[in-house]
Amino acid sequence: MIRRIINIDEEKCNGCGLCAEACHEGAIGMIEGKARRSGVFLLELMISILFFCIAAAVGLQLFVKSHCISEDAGNMNMAVHKAAAAAEVFRSGTDMEDYLKEEYSYYEKEDNTFLVSFAADWENCKTKDAEYTLWITLGEAKQRMVGHFAVKQKNGEKDKIIYEVELKRVISQREAAEDE
């Protein structure tokens, strides 16, 4: 049903009230003996518009929140993937630097710490352009190799760790012989 907005010609109105009685929506009222648009109808219309605006704002807020959660979940998934791949290399006993040379164009090494940088789209990049970094720290403790893998997200002055894992493995006889 199409709703029409009424126009009342007050000059022709004789005040009989038949139009007000026939209007089921309450859009016409008798004011001072003449048919006029009812303020109740306008009030209902304003309340309906207000309700629609509130519902739209809540819906938009839910959409934005779900989008942010989806992005965070995607980034967490990539962080886990990058750290797990490096952790598997560590666990297998493969040389970490050989793996990084083969897998990534850009990485840095200082002592036993490797730094692999990623842009916002998780493509390998130079450290100055990085949004995410994979920190790999290798060490030795009590005849075990220890590998610490952390993915950090740049957050202003301070980096935020979004995923980290630490693995330990027994040093093989071959590795012990190479160290001597």
N, C-alpha and C. Protein backbone atom coordinates (compact mmCIF):
# COMPACT_ATOMS: atom_id res chain seq x y z
N MET A 1 0.84 -1.18 0.00
CA MET A 1 0.00 0.00 0.00
C MET A 1 0.88 1.24 0.00
N ILE A 2 0.58 2.15 -0.86
CA ILE A 2 1.34 3.40 -0.95
C ILE A 2 0.68 4.44 -0.05
N ARG A 3 1.48 5.04 0.80
CA ARG A 3 0.96 6.07 1.70
C ARG A 3 1.08 7.42 1.01
N ARG A 4 0.03 8.18 1.12
CA ARG A 4 0.06 9.52 0.52
C ARG A 4 -0.02 10.57 1.62
N ILE A 5 0.67 11.66 1.39
CA ILE A 5 0.61 12.78 2.33
C ILE A 5 -0.59 13.64 1.94
N ILE A 6 -1.43 13.91 2.90
CA ILE A 6 -2.66 14.65 2.62
C ILE A 6 -2.41 16.16 2.61
N ASN A 7 -3.20 16.82 1.82
CA ASN A 7 -3.25 18.28 1.81
C ASN A 7 -4.69 18.68 2.11
N ILE A 8 -4.88 19.52 3.09
CA ILE A 8 -6.22 19.94 3.50
C ILE A 8 -6.42 21.38 3.07
N ASP A 9 -7.47 21.60 2.34
CA ASP A 9 -7.82 22.96 1.92
C ASP A 9 -8.73 23.51 3.02
N GLU A 10 -8.19 24.32 3.89
CA GLU A 10 -8.92 24.82 5.05
C GLU A 10 -10.08 25.73 4.64
N GLU A 11 -10.00 26.34 3.45
CA GLU A 11 -11.07 27.22 2.96
C GLU A 11 -12.33 26.41 2.66
N LYS A 12 -12.16 25.18 2.15
CA LYS A 12 -13.30 24.34 1.78
C LYS A 12 -13.81 23.50 2.94
N CYS A 13 -13.07 23.41 4.03
CA CYS A 13 -13.46 22.57 5.17
C CYS A 13 -14.63 23.20 5.91
N ASN A 14 -15.69 22.38 6.14
CA ASN A 14 -16.85 22.88 6.88
C ASN A 14 -16.87 22.37 8.32
N GLY A 15 -15.83 21.57 8.71
CA GLY A 15 -15.71 21.10 10.08
C GLY A 15 -16.59 19.92 10.41
N CYS A 16 -17.06 19.16 9.42
CA CYS A 16 -17.95 18.01 9.68
C CYS A 16 -17.23 16.86 10.38
N GLY A 17 -15.90 16.71 10.20
CA GLY A 17 -15.12 15.67 10.87
C GLY A 17 -15.14 14.31 10.21
N LEU A 18 -15.81 14.17 9.05
CA LEU A 18 -15.87 12.88 8.37
C LEU A 18 -14.47 12.42 7.92
N CYS A 19 -13.67 13.37 7.50
CA CYS A 19 -12.32 12.99 7.04
C CYS A 19 -11.47 12.49 8.21
N ALA A 20 -11.60 13.09 9.38
CA ALA A 20 -10.84 12.68 10.56
C ALA A 20 -11.26 11.29 11.02
N GLU A 21 -12.57 11.00 10.95
CA GLU A 21 -13.07 9.68 11.34
C GLU A 21 -12.60 8.60 10.35
N ALA A 22 -12.53 8.95 9.08
CA ALA A 22 -12.16 7.98 8.04
C ALA A 22 -10.66 7.68 8.02
N CYS A 23 -9.88 8.56 8.58
CA CYS A 23 -8.41 8.37 8.57
C CYS A 23 -8.01 7.43 9.71
N HIS A 24 -7.65 6.19 9.34
CA HIS A 24 -7.31 5.18 10.33
C HIS A 24 -5.93 5.41 10.95
N GLU A 25 -5.12 6.19 10.30
CA GLU A 25 -3.75 6.41 10.79
C GLU A 25 -3.65 7.59 11.73
N GLY A 26 -4.71 8.34 11.85
CA GLY A 26 -4.70 9.48 12.75
C GLY A 26 -3.95 10.69 12.21
N ALA A 27 -3.82 10.74 10.88
CA ALA A 27 -3.08 11.84 10.27
C ALA A 27 -3.91 13.12 10.22
N ILE A 28 -5.25 12.99 10.36
CA ILE A 28 -6.13 14.16 10.31
C ILE A 28 -6.81 14.29 11.66
N GLY A 29 -6.78 15.48 12.18
CA GLY A 29 -7.44 15.75 13.46
C GLY A 29 -8.28 17.01 13.35
N MET A 30 -9.24 17.13 14.24
CA MET A 30 -10.09 18.31 14.27
C MET A 30 -9.52 19.28 15.30
N ILE A 31 -9.05 20.42 14.81
CA ILE A 31 -8.46 21.42 15.67
C ILE A 31 -9.21 22.73 15.45
N GLU A 32 -9.82 23.26 16.53
CA GLU A 32 -10.58 24.51 16.48
C GLU A 32 -11.67 24.45 15.41
N GLY A 33 -12.32 23.29 15.30
CA GLY A 33 -13.44 23.13 14.37
C GLY A 33 -13.05 22.94 12.92
N LYS A 34 -11.82 22.79 12.63
CA LYS A 34 -11.36 22.59 11.25
C LYS A 34 -10.47 21.35 11.18
N ALA A 35 -10.49 20.69 10.03
CA ALA A 35 -9.64 19.52 9.80
C ALA A 35 -8.21 20.00 9.55
N ARG A 36 -7.29 19.42 10.29
CA ARG A 36 -5.87 19.76 10.13
C ARG A 36 -5.05 18.49 10.28
N ARG A 37 -3.81 18.59 9.78
CA ARG A 37 -2.90 17.45 9.96
C ARG A 37 -2.66 17.26 11.45
N SER A 38 -2.72 16.02 11.87
CA SER A 38 -2.58 15.71 13.28
C SER A 38 -1.11 15.68 13.66
N GLY A 39 -0.79 16.25 14.81
CA GLY A 39 0.58 16.22 15.32
C GLY A 39 0.98 14.82 15.75
N VAL A 40 0.00 13.96 16.06
CA VAL A 40 0.28 12.59 16.47
C VAL A 40 0.96 11.84 15.32
N PHE A 41 0.45 12.05 14.11
CA PHE A 41 1.04 11.37 12.95
C PHE A 41 2.49 11.81 12.76
N LEU A 42 2.74 13.09 12.86
CA LEU A 42 4.11 13.58 12.71
C LEU A 42 5.01 13.06 13.82
N LEU A 43 4.48 12.98 15.03
CA LEU A 43 5.25 12.44 16.14
C LEU A 43 5.58 10.97 15.90
N GLU A 44 4.61 10.19 15.43
CA GLU A 44 4.86 8.79 15.10
C GLU A 44 5.91 8.66 14.01
N LEU A 45 5.83 9.52 13.02
CA LEU A 45 6.80 9.51 11.93
C LEU A 45 8.20 9.82 12.45
N MET A 46 8.32 10.81 13.33
CA MET A 46 9.63 11.15 13.90
C MET A 46 10.17 10.02 14.76
N ILE A 47 9.31 9.37 15.52
CA ILE A 47 9.75 8.24 16.35
C ILE A 47 10.22 7.10 15.46
N SER A 48 9.51 6.84 14.37
CA SER A 48 9.92 5.79 13.43
C SER A 48 11.28 6.10 12.81
N ILE A 49 11.47 7.33 12.43
CA ILE A 49 12.77 7.73 11.85
C ILE A 49 13.87 7.61 12.89
N LEU A 50 13.61 8.03 14.11
CA LEU A 50 14.59 7.90 15.19
C LEU A 50 14.95 6.44 15.44
N PHE A 51 13.93 5.58 15.51
CA PHE A 51 14.18 4.15 15.70
C PHE A 51 15.02 3.59 14.56
N PHE A 52 14.71 3.97 13.33
CA PHE A 52 15.48 3.50 12.17
C PHE A 52 16.93 3.96 12.27
N CYS A 53 17.16 5.20 12.66
CA CYS A 53 18.53 5.72 12.79
C CYS A 53 19.31 4.97 13.86
N ILE A 54 18.67 4.69 14.99
CA ILE A 54 19.34 3.95 16.06
C ILE A 54 19.67 2.54 15.59
N ALA A 55 18.71 1.88 14.94
CA ALA A 55 18.95 0.52 14.43
C ALA A 55 20.07 0.52 13.40
N ALA A 56 20.10 1.52 12.53
CA ALA A 56 21.16 1.61 11.52
C ALA A 56 22.52 1.84 12.17
N ALA A 57 22.57 2.67 13.20
CA ALA A 57 23.84 2.93 13.89
C ALA A 57 24.35 1.67 14.59
N VAL A 58 23.46 0.94 15.24
CA VAL A 58 23.86 -0.31 15.90
C VAL A 58 24.34 -1.32 14.87
N GLY A 59 23.60 -1.45 13.76
CA GLY A 59 24.01 -2.37 12.70
C GLY A 59 25.35 -2.00 12.11
N LEU A 60 25.59 -0.73 11.89
CA LEU A 60 26.87 -0.27 11.36
C LEU A 60 28.00 -0.55 12.35
N GLN A 61 27.74 -0.32 13.62
CA GLN A 61 28.75 -0.58 14.65
C GLN A 61 29.09 -2.07 14.69
N LEU A 62 28.09 -2.93 14.60
CA LEU A 62 28.33 -4.38 14.57
C LEU A 62 29.14 -4.79 13.34
N PHE A 63 28.83 -4.19 12.20
CA PHE A 63 29.56 -4.49 10.97
C PHE A 63 31.03 -4.09 11.11
N VAL A 64 31.29 -2.91 11.63
CA VAL A 64 32.67 -2.43 11.79
C VAL A 64 33.42 -3.32 12.78
N LYS A 65 32.78 -3.68 13.89
CA LYS A 65 33.42 -4.54 14.89
C LYS A 65 33.73 -5.91 14.30
N SER A 66 32.81 -6.48 13.55
CA SER A 66 33.06 -7.80 12.95
C SER A 66 34.18 -7.72 11.91
N HIS A 67 34.25 -6.62 11.19
CA HIS A 67 35.34 -6.44 10.22
C HIS A 67 36.69 -6.37 10.94
N CYS A 68 36.75 -5.64 12.04
CA CYS A 68 37.99 -5.54 12.81
C CYS A 68 38.39 -6.89 13.38
N ILE A 69 37.42 -7.63 13.90
CA ILE A 69 37.71 -8.97 14.44
C ILE A 69 38.21 -9.88 13.33
N SER A 70 37.61 -9.79 12.16
CA SER A 70 38.03 -10.61 11.03
C SER A 70 39.46 -10.28 10.61
N GLU A 71 39.79 -9.00 10.57
CA GLU A 71 41.16 -8.59 10.23
C GLU A 71 42.15 -9.08 11.28
N ASP A 72 41.81 -8.94 12.55
CA ASP A 72 42.68 -9.41 13.63
C ASP A 72 42.90 -10.91 13.55
N ALA A 73 41.83 -11.65 13.25
CA ALA A 73 41.95 -13.11 13.13
C ALA A 73 42.84 -13.48 11.95
N GLY A 74 42.71 -12.76 10.84
CA GLY A 74 43.57 -13.01 9.68
C GLY A 74 45.04 -12.74 9.99
N ASN A 75 45.29 -11.66 10.71
CA ASN A 75 46.68 -11.34 11.09
C ASN A 75 47.23 -12.35 12.09
N MET A 76 46.40 -12.78 13.02
CA MET A 76 46.84 -13.81 13.97
C MET A 76 47.17 -15.10 13.23
N ASN A 77 46.34 -15.47 12.26
CA ASN A 77 46.57 -16.67 11.48
C ASN A 77 47.91 -16.59 10.73
N MET A 78 48.20 -15.44 10.13
CA MET A 78 49.47 -15.27 9.40
C MET A 78 50.65 -15.29 10.37
N ALA A 79 50.48 -14.70 11.54
CA ALA A 79 51.55 -14.69 12.55
C ALA A 79 51.86 -16.12 12.99
N VAL A 80 50.83 -16.90 13.24
CA VAL A 80 51.02 -18.30 13.63
C VAL A 80 51.71 -19.06 12.51
N HIS A 81 51.29 -18.83 11.29
CA HIS A 81 51.88 -19.51 10.13
C HIS A 81 53.38 -19.20 9.99
N LYS A 82 53.74 -17.93 10.08
CA LYS A 82 55.15 -17.53 9.93
C LYS A 82 56.01 -18.09 11.06
N ALA A 83 55.52 -17.99 12.30
CA ALA A 83 56.28 -18.50 13.45
C ALA A 83 56.36 -20.03 13.40
N ALA A 84 55.28 -20.69 13.02
CA ALA A 84 55.27 -22.16 12.98
C ALA A 84 56.22 -22.68 11.90
N ALA A 85 56.29 -22.00 10.76
CA ALA A 85 57.20 -22.43 9.70
C ALA A 85 58.65 -22.36 10.18
N ALA A 86 59.01 -21.26 10.84
CA ALA A 86 60.37 -21.12 11.36
C ALA A 86 60.63 -22.12 12.49
N ALA A 87 59.62 -22.37 13.32
CA ALA A 87 59.77 -23.33 14.41
C ALA A 87 59.98 -24.75 13.87
N GLU A 88 59.32 -25.09 12.79
CA GLU A 88 59.51 -26.42 12.17
C GLU A 88 60.93 -26.58 11.64
N VAL A 89 61.45 -25.50 11.09
CA VAL A 89 62.85 -25.54 10.61
C VAL A 89 63.78 -25.76 11.79
N PHE A 90 63.55 -25.04 12.86
CA PHE A 90 64.35 -25.21 14.07
C PHE A 90 64.25 -26.65 14.59
N ARG A 91 63.04 -27.16 14.66
CA ARG A 91 62.82 -28.51 15.19
C ARG A 91 63.49 -29.58 14.34
N SER A 92 63.55 -29.33 13.03
CA SER A 92 64.16 -30.33 12.13
C SER A 92 65.68 -30.32 12.21
N GLY A 93 66.26 -29.28 12.78
CA GLY A 93 67.72 -29.18 12.88
C GLY A 93 68.36 -28.52 11.67
N THR A 94 67.56 -28.06 10.73
CA THR A 94 68.07 -27.36 9.56
C THR A 94 68.65 -26.02 9.99
N ASP A 95 69.70 -25.58 9.31
CA ASP A 95 70.33 -24.30 9.64
C ASP A 95 69.34 -23.16 9.37
N MET A 96 69.08 -22.37 10.39
CA MET A 96 68.09 -21.30 10.29
C MET A 96 68.47 -20.26 9.25
N GLU A 97 69.74 -19.90 9.19
CA GLU A 97 70.16 -18.88 8.24
C GLU A 97 69.99 -19.37 6.80
N ASP A 98 70.27 -20.65 6.54
CA ASP A 98 70.07 -21.21 5.20
C ASP A 98 68.59 -21.13 4.82
N TYR A 99 67.73 -21.47 5.76
CA TYR A 99 66.28 -21.40 5.52
C TYR A 99 65.85 -19.97 5.20
N LEU A 100 66.31 -19.02 6.01
CA LEU A 100 65.90 -17.62 5.81
C LEU A 100 66.41 -17.08 4.47
N LYS A 101 67.63 -17.44 4.09
CA LYS A 101 68.18 -16.99 2.79
C LYS A 101 67.32 -17.51 1.64
N GLU A 102 66.86 -18.73 1.77
CA GLU A 102 66.07 -19.35 0.71
C GLU A 102 64.64 -18.81 0.67
N GLU A 103 64.07 -18.54 1.84
CA GLU A 103 62.66 -18.19 1.92
C GLU A 103 62.38 -16.68 1.79
N TYR A 104 63.28 -15.84 2.29
CA TYR A 104 63.01 -14.40 2.36
C TYR A 104 64.12 -13.58 1.71
N SER A 105 63.71 -12.51 1.04
CA SER A 105 64.68 -11.60 0.42
C SER A 105 65.36 -10.72 1.47
N TYR A 106 64.59 -10.32 2.46
CA TYR A 106 65.10 -9.40 3.48
C TYR A 106 65.01 -10.03 4.87
N TYR A 107 66.12 -10.06 5.57
CA TYR A 107 66.16 -10.44 6.97
C TYR A 107 67.44 -9.88 7.56
N GLU A 108 67.48 -9.78 8.86
CA GLU A 108 68.66 -9.27 9.55
C GLU A 108 69.11 -10.30 10.57
N LYS A 109 70.42 -10.30 10.85
CA LYS A 109 70.95 -11.22 11.85
C LYS A 109 71.90 -10.46 12.75
N GLU A 110 71.73 -10.67 14.04
CA GLU A 110 72.66 -10.12 15.02
C GLU A 110 72.87 -11.18 16.09
N ASP A 111 74.09 -11.68 16.17
CA ASP A 111 74.43 -12.79 17.06
C ASP A 111 73.51 -13.99 16.76
N ASN A 112 72.72 -14.40 17.74
CA ASN A 112 71.82 -15.55 17.56
C ASN A 112 70.36 -15.12 17.35
N THR A 113 70.17 -13.89 16.94
CA THR A 113 68.81 -13.38 16.73
C THR A 113 68.63 -13.00 15.26
N PHE A 114 67.52 -13.47 14.70
CA PHE A 114 67.16 -13.15 13.32
C PHE A 114 65.89 -12.31 13.35
N LEU A 115 65.82 -11.37 12.44
CA LEU A 115 64.65 -10.50 12.35
C LEU A 115 64.17 -10.52 10.90
N VAL A 116 62.92 -10.95 10.70
CA VAL A 116 62.31 -10.98 9.37
C VAL A 116 61.15 -9.99 9.41
N SER A 117 61.13 -9.07 8.44
CA SER A 117 60.12 -8.00 8.44
C SER A 117 59.06 -8.25 7.37
N PHE A 118 57.83 -7.82 7.70
CA PHE A 118 56.71 -7.99 6.79
C PHE A 118 55.91 -6.70 6.72
N ALA A 119 55.40 -6.40 5.52
CA ALA A 119 54.52 -5.24 5.33
C ALA A 119 53.12 -5.61 5.83
N ALA A 120 52.17 -4.69 5.74
CA ALA A 120 50.81 -4.92 6.23
C ALA A 120 50.13 -6.08 5.50
N ASP A 121 50.54 -6.35 4.26
CA ASP A 121 49.96 -7.46 3.50
C ASP A 121 50.74 -8.76 3.67
N TRP A 122 51.66 -8.79 4.63
CA TRP A 122 52.47 -9.95 5.00
C TRP A 122 53.49 -10.33 3.92
N GLU A 123 53.83 -9.41 3.05
CA GLU A 123 54.92 -9.63 2.10
C GLU A 123 56.22 -9.22 2.78
N ASN A 124 57.29 -9.97 2.55
CA ASN A 124 58.59 -9.67 3.13
C ASN A 124 59.05 -8.29 2.65
N CYS A 125 59.60 -7.49 3.55
CA CYS A 125 60.04 -6.14 3.20
C CYS A 125 61.23 -5.75 4.05
N LYS A 126 61.75 -4.57 3.80
CA LYS A 126 62.85 -4.03 4.61
C LYS A 126 62.30 -3.60 5.97
N THR A 127 63.16 -3.59 6.96
CA THR A 127 62.74 -3.30 8.34
C THR A 127 62.06 -1.95 8.47
N LYS A 128 62.53 -0.94 7.75
CA LYS A 128 61.96 0.40 7.89
C LYS A 128 60.51 0.47 7.40
N ASP A 129 60.10 -0.46 6.51
CA ASP A 129 58.74 -0.48 5.97
C ASP A 129 57.84 -1.49 6.67
N ALA A 130 58.34 -2.11 7.73
CA ALA A 130 57.63 -3.25 8.34
C ALA A 130 56.45 -2.83 9.20
N GLU A 131 55.39 -3.62 9.11
CA GLU A 131 54.24 -3.53 10.00
C GLU A 131 54.31 -4.67 11.03
N TYR A 132 54.89 -5.79 10.59
CA TYR A 132 55.05 -6.98 11.45
C TYR A 132 56.49 -7.45 11.38
N THR A 133 56.97 -8.03 12.48
CA THR A 133 58.32 -8.60 12.49
C THR A 133 58.29 -9.96 13.17
N LEU A 134 59.06 -10.88 12.60
CA LEU A 134 59.25 -12.20 13.19
C LEU A 134 60.63 -12.20 13.82
N TRP A 135 60.67 -12.38 15.13
CA TRP A 135 61.92 -12.43 15.88
C TRP A 135 62.22 -13.89 16.18
N ILE A 136 63.40 -14.33 15.78
CA ILE A 136 63.83 -15.69 16.03
C ILE A 136 65.11 -15.61 16.86
N THR A 137 65.06 -16.12 18.07
CA THR A 137 66.23 -16.11 18.95
C THR A 137 66.60 -17.55 19.25
N LEU A 138 67.84 -17.91 18.92
CA LEU A 138 68.32 -19.27 19.15
C LEU A 138 69.37 -19.25 20.25
N GLY A 139 69.33 -20.26 21.10
CA GLY A 139 70.30 -20.35 22.18
C GLY A 139 70.50 -21.80 22.60
N GLU A 140 71.36 -21.96 23.60
CA GLU A 140 71.67 -23.29 24.09
C GLU A 140 71.60 -23.27 25.60
N ALA A 141 70.98 -24.32 26.17
CA ALA A 141 70.89 -24.44 27.62
C ALA A 141 70.83 -25.91 28.00
N LYS A 142 71.80 -26.35 28.81
CA LYS A 142 71.83 -27.72 29.34
C LYS A 142 71.68 -28.77 28.23
N GLN A 143 72.55 -28.72 27.27
CA GLN A 143 72.59 -29.67 26.16
C GLN A 143 71.29 -29.71 25.35
N ARG A 144 70.63 -28.59 25.34
CA ARG A 144 69.42 -28.43 24.54
C ARG A 144 69.52 -27.14 23.75
N MET A 145 68.96 -27.19 22.56
CA MET A 145 68.82 -25.97 21.77
C MET A 145 67.47 -25.36 22.14
N VAL A 146 67.47 -24.06 22.29
CA VAL A 146 66.23 -23.34 22.63
C VAL A 146 65.96 -22.35 21.51
N GLY A 147 64.76 -22.38 21.01
CA GLY A 147 64.35 -21.44 19.97
C GLY A 147 63.14 -20.66 20.43
N HIS A 148 63.23 -19.33 20.39
CA HIS A 148 62.11 -18.47 20.77
C HIS A 148 61.65 -17.75 19.51
N PHE A 149 60.37 -17.86 19.20
CA PHE A 149 59.80 -17.29 17.98
C PHE A 149 58.67 -16.35 18.38
N ALA A 150 58.78 -15.09 18.00
CA ALA A 150 57.75 -14.11 18.36
C ALA A 150 57.43 -13.25 17.14
N VAL A 151 56.15 -13.04 16.92
CA VAL A 151 55.70 -12.13 15.87
C VAL A 151 55.15 -10.90 16.56
N LYS A 152 55.68 -9.74 16.16
CA LYS A 152 55.28 -8.48 16.79
C LYS A 152 54.67 -7.57 15.74
N GLN A 153 53.71 -6.77 16.19
CA GLN A 153 53.09 -5.78 15.34
C GLN A 153 53.51 -4.40 15.81
N LYS A 154 53.89 -3.54 14.87
CA LYS A 154 54.26 -2.17 15.24
C LYS A 154 53.04 -1.47 15.78
N ASN A 155 53.23 -0.82 16.91
CA ASN A 155 52.13 -0.12 17.57
C ASN A 155 52.70 1.18 18.14
N GLY A 156 52.94 2.13 17.25
CA GLY A 156 53.55 3.39 17.69
C GLY A 156 54.99 3.17 18.09
N GLU A 157 55.33 3.63 19.28
CA GLU A 157 56.69 3.49 19.79
C GLU A 157 56.99 2.07 20.29
N LYS A 158 55.95 1.36 20.66
CA LYS A 158 56.12 0.05 21.29
C LYS A 158 55.55 -1.04 20.38
N ASP A 159 56.28 -2.15 20.25
CA ASP A 159 55.78 -3.28 19.48
C ASP A 159 54.89 -4.14 20.36
N LYS A 160 53.84 -4.70 19.75
CA LYS A 160 52.89 -5.55 20.47
C LYS A 160 53.09 -6.99 20.00
N ILE A 161 53.34 -7.90 20.91
CA ILE A 161 53.51 -9.31 20.56
C ILE A 161 52.13 -9.89 20.27
N ILE A 162 51.96 -10.42 19.05
CA ILE A 162 50.66 -11.01 18.72
C ILE A 162 50.72 -12.54 18.74
N TYR A 163 51.93 -13.11 18.70
CA TYR A 163 52.07 -14.55 18.84
C TYR A 163 53.51 -14.87 19.21
N GLU A 164 53.69 -15.83 20.11
CA GLU A 164 55.04 -16.28 20.42
C GLU A 164 55.01 -17.73 20.89
N VAL A 165 56.09 -18.42 20.61
CA VAL A 165 56.24 -19.81 21.01
C VAL A 165 57.72 -20.08 21.27
N GLU A 166 57.98 -20.98 22.21
CA GLU A 166 59.36 -21.36 22.52
C GLU A 166 59.47 -22.87 22.41
N LEU A 167 60.50 -23.32 21.73
CA LEU A 167 60.73 -24.75 21.56
C LEU A 167 62.10 -25.12 22.11
N LYS A 168 62.20 -26.35 22.58
CA LYS A 168 63.48 -26.89 23.02
C LYS A 168 63.67 -28.22 22.33
N ARG A 169 64.90 -28.50 21.95
CA ARG A 169 65.19 -29.81 21.37
C ARG A 169 66.57 -30.24 21.84
N VAL A 170 66.76 -31.52 21.93
CA VAL A 170 68.03 -32.09 22.36
C VAL A 170 69.04 -31.88 21.24
N ILE A 171 70.26 -31.50 21.62
CA ILE A 171 71.32 -31.31 20.62
C ILE A 171 71.77 -32.68 20.14
N SER A 172 71.72 -32.85 18.82
CA SER A 172 72.13 -34.15 18.26
C SER A 172 73.65 -34.32 18.36
N GLN A 173 74.11 -35.55 18.25
CA GLN A 173 75.55 -35.83 18.32
C GLN A 173 76.27 -35.14 17.16
N ARG A 174 75.61 -35.06 16.01
CA ARG A 174 76.21 -34.40 14.86
C ARG A 174 76.45 -32.91 15.14
N GLU A 175 75.44 -32.25 15.75
CA GLU A 175 75.57 -30.83 16.08
C GLU A 175 76.63 -30.62 17.15
N ALA A 176 76.69 -31.52 18.12
CA ALA A 176 77.70 -31.41 19.18
C ALA A 176 79.10 -31.57 18.61
N ALA A 177 79.25 -32.47 17.64
CA ALA A 177 80.56 -32.69 17.00
C ALA A 177 80.95 -31.48 16.16
N GLU A 178 79.97 -30.84 15.52
CA GLU A 178 80.26 -29.64 14.70
C GLU A 178 80.71 -28.48 15.57
N ASP A 179 80.17 -28.39 16.78
CA ASP A 179 80.54 -27.30 17.69
C ASP A 179 81.96 -27.44 18.23
N GLU A 180 82.45 -28.68 18.28
CA GLU A 180 83.79 -28.91 18.85
C GLU A 180 84.86 -28.69 17.84
